[in-house]
Amino acid sequence: MSPFVTHKNLLAQFCCGILLVTGVEAAVSIATDSGGTYTASTTDLLQTQVASVDKVGSQTGEVTFLTDGSIGGTDTNAWRANADDAVTYTLDISTNTLGYDITNITTYAQWTSRSNQGYTVSVSLVGSADFTTLATVSEEFPGGPFTQVIVTDDSGVLATGVDAIRFEAADLGLNWNGYREFDVSGAATIPEPSVALVSGLGCLLLLRRRRIQ
């Protein structure tokens, strides 16, 4: 399944007051697997760069379990997500002020016969409060013990300049699904050379103007 989505590639404000926004249309790829032996990341952004977590809905279970680098454990070590339940992870941009590049998202589920994975994942970009959909996952795994879904992009980057990521659950006819871990891989966004050049020229012009005055 490869739905096409549109998202802004970068939203960043530089010291000279230059605001640059670019856009790109990319193909999202969703890979699924059931019954395997999986190893979660211990260094993804949800473990290293989360500033706050906000969940809404009637779900049972602490969403912090989804970012501890562990899959499995007891049945309470999961997010039993009902339809329309959601969790938003706000990333820390106090140091990485341009936000983060998201390279891939991997989600794991397991709960007896409730290992389906249905959710919409969206992101907000630095400087904007709006969320843009990256992908909609709707995968059924009849009787699957453990399941894995990997969301990637043909370009290697799902989104750039991200400051928050949101998962909104769907039930796929089972009332709820049991998620075990969310991995969001990526790194701090850095300005492209052309962007840095334009910003540098703007700063030079500003300094020249100040000297003239």
C-alpha atoms as a PDB file:
ATOM      1  CA  MET A   1       0.000   0.000   0.000  1.00  0.00           C
ATOM      2  CA  SER A   2       1.556   3.296  -1.046  1.00  0.00           C
ATOM      3  CA  PRO A   3      -0.798   6.264  -0.598  1.00  0.00           C
ATOM      4  CA  PHE A   4       0.443   9.624  -1.849  1.00  0.00           C
ATOM      5  CA  VAL A   5       0.583  12.456   0.615  1.00  0.00           C
ATOM      6  CA  THR A   6       1.645  16.065   0.456  1.00  0.00           C
ATOM      7  CA  HIS A   7       3.560  17.781   3.243  1.00  0.00           C
ATOM      8  CA  LYS A   8       5.740  20.857   3.643  1.00  0.00           C
ATOM      9  CA  ASN A   9       9.415  20.040   3.551  1.00  0.00           C
ATOM     10  CA  LEU A  10      10.776  22.799   5.787  1.00  0.00           C
ATOM     11  CA  LEU A  11       9.546  25.673   7.920  1.00  0.00           C
ATOM     12  CA  ALA A  12      12.330  27.583   9.613  1.00  0.00           C
ATOM     13  CA  GLN A  13      12.943  31.146  10.725  1.00  0.00           C
ATOM     14  CA  PHE A  14      16.489  32.377  10.704  1.00  0.00           C
ATOM     15  CA  CYS A  15      18.219  35.103  12.702  1.00  0.00           C
ATOM     16  CA  CYS A  16      17.810  37.663   9.911  1.00  0.00           C
ATOM     17  CA  GLY A  17      14.063  37.285   9.793  1.00  0.00           C
ATOM     18  CA  ILE A  18      13.993  35.249   6.545  1.00  0.00           C
ATOM     19  CA  LEU A  19      11.154  32.736   6.478  1.00  0.00           C
ATOM     20  CA  LEU A  20      11.483  29.927   3.936  1.00  0.00           C
ATOM     21  CA  VAL A  21       8.858  27.287   3.198  1.00  0.00           C
ATOM     22  CA  THR A  22       9.182  24.570   0.576  1.00  0.00           C
ATOM     23  CA  GLY A  23       6.918  21.673  -0.319  1.00  0.00           C
ATOM     24  CA  VAL A  24       7.269  18.166  -1.707  1.00  0.00           C
ATOM     25  CA  GLU A  25       4.927  15.353  -2.701  1.00  0.00           C
ATOM     26  CA  ALA A  26       6.224  11.939  -1.753  1.00  0.00           C
ATOM     27  CA  ALA A  27       5.199   8.286  -1.792  1.00  0.00           C
ATOM     28  CA  VAL A  28       4.756   6.641   1.596  1.00  0.00           C
ATOM     29  CA  SER A  29       5.388   2.897   1.770  1.00  0.00           C
ATOM     30  CA  ILE A  30       3.813   0.697   4.444  1.00  0.00           C
ATOM     31  CA  ALA A  31       5.406  -2.685   5.140  1.00  0.00           C
ATOM     32  CA  THR A  32       3.756  -5.231   7.447  1.00  0.00           C
ATOM     33  CA  ASP A  33       4.794  -8.435   9.179  1.00  0.00           C
ATOM     34  CA  SER A  34       3.130 -10.805  11.624  1.00  0.00           C
ATOM     35  CA  GLY A  35       4.457 -13.409  14.005  1.00  0.00           C
ATOM     36  CA  GLY A  36       8.089 -12.384  13.845  1.00  0.00           C
ATOM     37  CA  THR A  37      10.644 -11.721  16.551  1.00  0.00           C
ATOM     38  CA  TYR A  38      11.158  -7.986  16.700  1.00  0.00           C
ATOM     39  CA  THR A  39      13.657  -5.716  18.393  1.00  0.00           C
ATOM     40  CA  ALA A  40      12.588  -2.158  19.135  1.00  0.00           C
ATOM     41  CA  SER A  41      14.922   0.794  18.860  1.00  0.00           C
ATOM     42  CA  THR A  42      16.457   2.170  22.031  1.00  0.00           C
ATOM     43  CA  THR A  43      17.547   5.461  20.462  1.00  0.00           C
ATOM     44  CA  ASP A  44      14.516   6.750  18.547  1.00  0.00           C
ATOM     45  CA  LEU A  45      13.205  10.303  18.913  1.00  0.00           C
ATOM     46  CA  LEU A  46      10.362   9.263  21.212  1.00  0.00           C
ATOM     47  CA  GLN A  47      12.937   8.065  23.740  1.00  0.00           C
ATOM     48  CA  THR A  48      15.495  10.828  23.358  1.00  0.00           C
ATOM     49  CA  GLN A  49      13.725  14.043  22.319  1.00  0.00           C
ATOM     50  CA  VAL A  50      10.193  14.119  23.781  1.00  0.00           C
ATOM     51  CA  ALA A  51       9.300  17.278  25.714  1.00  0.00           C
ATOM     52  CA  SER A  52       5.704  16.357  26.569  1.00  0.00           C
ATOM     53  CA  VAL A  53       3.019  13.734  25.919  1.00  0.00           C
ATOM     54  CA  ASP A  54      -0.697  14.381  25.555  1.00  0.00           C
ATOM     55  CA  LYS A  55      -3.314  11.667  25.177  1.00  0.00           C
ATOM     56  CA  VAL A  56      -7.048  11.947  24.658  1.00  0.00           C
ATOM     57  CA  GLY A  57      -9.846   9.402  24.656  1.00  0.00           C
ATOM     58  CA  SER A  58     -10.924   6.444  26.727  1.00  0.00           C
ATOM     59  CA  GLN A  59      -7.942   4.175  26.147  1.00  0.00           C
ATOM     60  CA  THR A  60      -6.518   2.041  28.912  1.00  0.00           C
ATOM     61  CA  GLY A  61      -2.799   1.835  29.566  1.00  0.00           C
ATOM     62  CA  GLU A  62      -0.034   4.369  29.845  1.00  0.00           C
ATOM     63  CA  VAL A  63       1.274   5.660  26.535  1.00  0.00           C
ATOM     64  CA  THR A  64       4.723   6.033  28.117  1.00  0.00           C
ATOM     65  CA  PHE A  65       5.045   2.286  27.653  1.00  0.00           C
ATOM     66  CA  LEU A  66       5.129   2.917  23.928  1.00  0.00           C
ATOM     67  CA  THR A  67       8.486   4.681  24.181  1.00  0.00           C
ATOM     68  CA  ASP A  68      10.512   2.524  26.571  1.00  0.00           C
ATOM     69  CA  GLY A  69      12.346   0.486  23.917  1.00  0.00           C
ATOM     70  CA  SER A  70      10.636  -2.722  24.991  1.00  0.00           C
ATOM     71  CA  ILE A  71       8.094  -4.938  23.234  1.00  0.00           C
ATOM     72  CA  GLY A  72       5.927  -7.352  25.158  1.00  0.00           C
ATOM     73  CA  GLY A  73       5.867  -7.667  28.883  1.00  0.00           C
ATOM     74  CA  THR A  74       2.616  -7.937  30.807  1.00  0.00           C
ATOM     75  CA  ASP A  75      -0.779  -7.113  29.317  1.00  0.00           C
ATOM     76  CA  THR A  76      -0.773  -3.843  31.227  1.00  0.00           C
ATOM     77  CA  ASN A  77       2.420  -2.831  29.410  1.00  0.00           C
ATOM     78  CA  ALA A  78       0.470  -1.695  26.347  1.00  0.00           C
ATOM     79  CA  TRP A  79      -1.825   0.972  24.974  1.00  0.00           C
ATOM     80  CA  ARG A  80      -5.300  -0.486  24.476  1.00  0.00           C
ATOM     81  CA  ALA A  81      -6.367   2.093  21.907  1.00  0.00           C
ATOM     82  CA  ASN A  82     -10.025   2.553  21.041  1.00  0.00           C
ATOM     83  CA  ALA A  83     -11.250   4.264  17.889  1.00  0.00           C
ATOM     84  CA  ASP A  84     -10.541   8.007  17.932  1.00  0.00           C
ATOM     85  CA  ASP A  85      -8.144   7.761  20.871  1.00  0.00           C
ATOM     86  CA  ALA A  86      -4.989   9.722  20.205  1.00  0.00           C
ATOM     87  CA  VAL A  87      -1.557  10.426  21.603  1.00  0.00           C
ATOM     88  CA  THR A  88       0.633  13.405  20.669  1.00  0.00           C
ATOM     89  CA  TYR A  89       4.367  13.525  21.317  1.00  0.00           C
ATOM     90  CA  THR A  90       5.796  17.054  21.341  1.00  0.00           C
ATOM     91  CA  LEU A  91       9.513  17.069  20.593  1.00  0.00           C
ATOM     92  CA  ASP A  92      12.090  19.206  22.354  1.00  0.00           C
ATOM     93  CA  ILE A  93      13.241  21.991  20.012  1.00  0.00           C
ATOM     94  CA  SER A  94      14.987  24.098  22.634  1.00  0.00           C
ATOM     95  CA  THR A  95      18.348  23.044  21.167  1.00  0.00           C
ATOM     96  CA  ASN A  96      17.326  21.741  17.743  1.00  0.00           C
ATOM     97  CA  THR A  97      15.324  24.827  16.820  1.00  0.00           C
ATOM     98  CA  LEU A  98      14.624  23.718  13.235  1.00  0.00           C
ATOM     99  CA  GLY A  99      12.910  20.538  14.446  1.00  0.00           C
ATOM    100  CA  TYR A 100      13.593  17.009  13.248  1.00  0.00           C
ATOM    101  CA  ASP A 101      13.724  14.962  10.058  1.00  0.00           C
ATOM    102  CA  ILE A 102      11.559  11.846  10.369  1.00  0.00           C
ATOM    103  CA  THR A 103      13.039   8.941   8.395  1.00  0.00           C
ATOM    104  CA  ASN A 104      10.751   6.068   9.389  1.00  0.00           C
ATOM    105  CA  ILE A 105       8.069   5.051  11.847  1.00  0.00           C
ATOM    106  CA  THR A 106       7.724   1.517  13.204  1.00  0.00           C
ATOM    107  CA  THR A 107       4.813   0.377  15.369  1.00  0.00           C
ATOM    108  CA  TYR A 108       4.334  -2.898  17.194  1.00  0.00           C
ATOM    109  CA  ALA A 109       1.128  -4.506  18.471  1.00  0.00           C
ATOM    110  CA  GLN A 110       0.230  -7.637  20.422  1.00  0.00           C
ATOM    111  CA  TRP A 111      -2.744  -8.638  22.512  1.00  0.00           C
ATOM    112  CA  THR A 112      -4.127 -12.121  21.850  1.00  0.00           C
ATOM    113  CA  SER A 113      -6.442 -11.537  18.870  1.00  0.00           C
ATOM    114  CA  ARG A 114      -6.158  -7.746  19.014  1.00  0.00           C
ATOM    115  CA  SER A 115      -2.927  -7.281  17.095  1.00  0.00           C
ATOM    116  CA  ASN A 116      -4.426  -5.362  14.183  1.00  0.00           C
ATOM    117  CA  GLN A 117      -2.923  -1.970  13.495  1.00  0.00           C
ATOM    118  CA  GLY A 118      -5.152   0.907  12.490  1.00  0.00           C
ATOM    119  CA  TYR A 119      -4.129   4.516  12.948  1.00  0.00           C
ATOM    120  CA  THR A 120      -3.396   7.812  11.240  1.00  0.00           C
ATOM    121  CA  VAL A 121      -0.013   9.368  11.881  1.00  0.00           C
ATOM    122  CA  SER A 122       0.450  13.099  11.374  1.00  0.00           C
ATOM    123  CA  VAL A 123       3.035  15.750  12.192  1.00  0.00           C
ATOM    124  CA  SER A 124       3.220  19.455  12.908  1.00  0.00           C
ATOM    125  CA  LEU A 125       6.132  21.569  11.722  1.00  0.00           C
ATOM    126  CA  VAL A 126       8.125  24.210  13.546  1.00  0.00           C
ATOM    127  CA  GLY A 127       6.222  27.481  13.363  1.00  0.00           C
ATOM    128  CA  SER A 128       2.822  25.904  12.688  1.00  0.00           C
ATOM    129  CA  ALA A 129       0.145  24.530  14.990  1.00  0.00           C
ATOM    130  CA  ASP A 130      -1.496  22.525  12.198  1.00  0.00           C
ATOM    131  CA  PHE A 131      -1.021  18.786  11.755  1.00  0.00           C
ATOM    132  CA  THR A 132      -0.470  17.214   8.320  1.00  0.00           C
ATOM    133  CA  THR A 133      -1.241  13.538   7.691  1.00  0.00           C
ATOM    134  CA  LEU A 134       1.753  11.405   6.742  1.00  0.00           C
ATOM    135  CA  ALA A 135       0.053   8.019   6.424  1.00  0.00           C
ATOM    136  CA  THR A 136      -3.045   6.044   7.312  1.00  0.00           C
ATOM    137  CA  VAL A 137      -2.414   2.478   8.434  1.00  0.00           C
ATOM    138  CA  SER A 138      -5.216  -0.071   8.201  1.00  0.00           C
ATOM    139  CA  GLU A 139      -3.794  -3.561   8.573  1.00  0.00           C
ATOM    140  CA  GLU A 140      -5.578  -6.662   9.846  1.00  0.00           C
ATOM    141  CA  PHE A 141      -3.636  -9.635  11.179  1.00  0.00           C
ATOM    142  CA  PRO A 142      -6.070 -12.495  11.993  1.00  0.00           C
ATOM    143  CA  GLY A 143      -4.719 -14.317  15.019  1.00  0.00           C
ATOM    144  CA  GLY A 144      -1.344 -12.622  14.757  1.00  0.00           C
ATOM    145  CA  PRO A 145       0.648 -12.825  18.019  1.00  0.00           C
ATOM    146  CA  PHE A 146       3.033  -9.918  17.393  1.00  0.00           C
ATOM    147  CA  THR A 147       2.745  -7.530  14.455  1.00  0.00           C
ATOM    148  CA  GLN A 148       4.998  -4.877  12.991  1.00  0.00           C
ATOM    149  CA  VAL A 149       4.207  -1.999  10.637  1.00  0.00           C
ATOM    150  CA  ILE A 150       6.956   0.140   9.091  1.00  0.00           C
ATOM    151  CA  VAL A 151       6.146   3.473   7.443  1.00  0.00           C
ATOM    152  CA  THR A 152       8.884   4.814   5.161  1.00  0.00           C
ATOM    153  CA  ASP A 153       9.246   7.127   2.188  1.00  0.00           C
ATOM    154  CA  ASP A 154      10.886   6.606  -1.190  1.00  0.00           C
ATOM    155  CA  SER A 155      13.030   9.698  -0.654  1.00  0.00           C
ATOM    156  CA  GLY A 156      14.314   8.454   2.706  1.00  0.00           C
ATOM    157  CA  VAL A 157      12.633  11.262   4.656  1.00  0.00           C
ATOM    158  CA  LEU A 158       8.973  11.272   5.683  1.00  0.00           C
ATOM    159  CA  ALA A 159       8.918  14.866   6.913  1.00  0.00           C
ATOM    160  CA  THR A 160      11.334  17.687   7.700  1.00  0.00           C
ATOM    161  CA  GLY A 161      11.206  20.344  10.424  1.00  0.00           C
ATOM    162  CA  VAL A 162       8.895  18.320  12.681  1.00  0.00           C
ATOM    163  CA  ASP A 163       8.146  19.463  16.225  1.00  0.00           C
ATOM    164  CA  ALA A 164       5.314  17.046  17.122  1.00  0.00           C
ATOM    165  CA  ILE A 165       3.939  13.699  15.973  1.00  0.00           C
ATOM    166  CA  ARG A 166       0.425  12.377  16.576  1.00  0.00           C
ATOM    167  CA  PHE A 167      -1.097   8.878  16.404  1.00  0.00           C
ATOM    168  CA  GLU A 168      -4.908   8.665  16.096  1.00  0.00           C
ATOM    169  CA  ALA A 169      -6.297   5.162  16.544  1.00  0.00           C
ATOM    170  CA  ALA A 170      -8.920   3.237  14.571  1.00  0.00           C
ATOM    171  CA  ASP A 171     -10.439  -0.019  15.820  1.00  0.00           C
ATOM    172  CA  LEU A 172     -10.758  -2.060  12.578  1.00  0.00           C
ATOM    173  CA  GLY A 173     -13.870  -3.719  14.015  1.00  0.00           C
ATOM    174  CA  LEU A 174     -12.215  -4.984  17.229  1.00  0.00           C
ATOM    175  CA  ASN A 175     -13.154  -2.058  19.512  1.00  0.00           C
ATOM    176  CA  TRP A 176      -9.513  -1.644  20.446  1.00  0.00           C
ATOM    177  CA  ASN A 177      -5.996  -2.803  19.553  1.00  0.00           C
ATOM    178  CA  GLY A 178      -3.053  -3.417  21.844  1.00  0.00           C
ATOM    179  CA  TYR A 179       0.019  -1.404  20.873  1.00  0.00           C
ATOM    180  CA  ARG A 180       3.346  -2.266  22.472  1.00  0.00           C
ATOM    181  CA  GLU A 181       5.860   0.210  21.089  1.00  0.00           C
ATOM    182  CA  PHE A 182       6.178   3.211  18.765  1.00  0.00           C
ATOM    183  CA  ASP A 183       9.570   3.946  17.213  1.00  0.00           C
ATOM    184  CA  VAL A 184      10.088   7.238  15.372  1.00  0.00           C
ATOM    185  CA  SER A 185      13.527   7.379  13.778  1.00  0.00           C
ATOM    186  CA  GLY A 186      15.154  10.588  12.639  1.00  0.00           C
ATOM    187  CA  ALA A 187      17.633  13.323  13.392  1.00  0.00           C
ATOM    188  CA  ALA A 188      17.807  17.053  13.954  1.00  0.00           C
ATOM    189  CA  THR A 189      16.920  19.102  10.865  1.00  0.00           C
ATOM    190  CA  ILE A 190      19.775  21.100   9.376  1.00  0.00           C
ATOM    191  CA  PRO A 191      19.324  23.834   6.756  1.00  0.00           C
ATOM    192  CA  GLU A 192      20.081  22.905   3.164  1.00  0.00           C
ATOM    193  CA  PRO A 193      23.206  24.626   1.756  1.00  0.00           C
ATOM    194  CA  SER A 194      21.112  26.907  -0.456  1.00  0.00           C
ATOM    195  CA  VAL A 195      18.975  27.925   2.501  1.00  0.00           C
ATOM    196  CA  ALA A 196      22.025  28.625   4.636  1.00  0.00           C
ATOM    197  CA  LEU A 197      23.515  30.689   1.805  1.00  0.00           C
ATOM    198  CA  VAL A 198      20.394  32.833   1.456  1.00  0.00           C
ATOM    199  CA  SER A 199      20.268  33.295   5.233  1.00  0.00           C
ATOM    200  CA  GLY A 200      23.950  34.269   5.300  1.00  0.00           C
ATOM    201  CA  LEU A 201      23.471  36.820   2.530  1.00  0.00           C
ATOM    202  CA  GLY A 202      20.553  38.299   4.434  1.00  0.00           C
ATOM    203  CA  CYS A 203      22.690  38.668   7.540  1.00  0.00           C
ATOM    204  CA  LEU A 204      25.474  40.335   5.582  1.00  0.00           C
ATOM    205  CA  LEU A 205      23.039  42.809   4.056  1.00  0.00           C
ATOM    206  CA  LEU A 206      21.642  43.571   7.492  1.00  0.00           C
ATOM    207  CA  LEU A 207      25.129  44.166   8.913  1.00  0.00           C
ATOM    208  CA  ARG A 208      26.066  46.373   5.946  1.00  0.00           C
ATOM    209  CA  ARG A 209      22.908  48.426   6.451  1.00  0.00           C
ATOM    210  CA  ARG A 210      23.696  48.902  10.126  1.00  0.00           C
ATOM    211  CA  ARG A 211      27.232  50.053   9.314  1.00  0.00           C
ATOM    212  CA  ILE A 212      25.937  52.610   6.785  1.00  0.00           C
ATOM    213  CA  GLN A 213      23.496  53.971   9.338  1.00  0.00           C
END
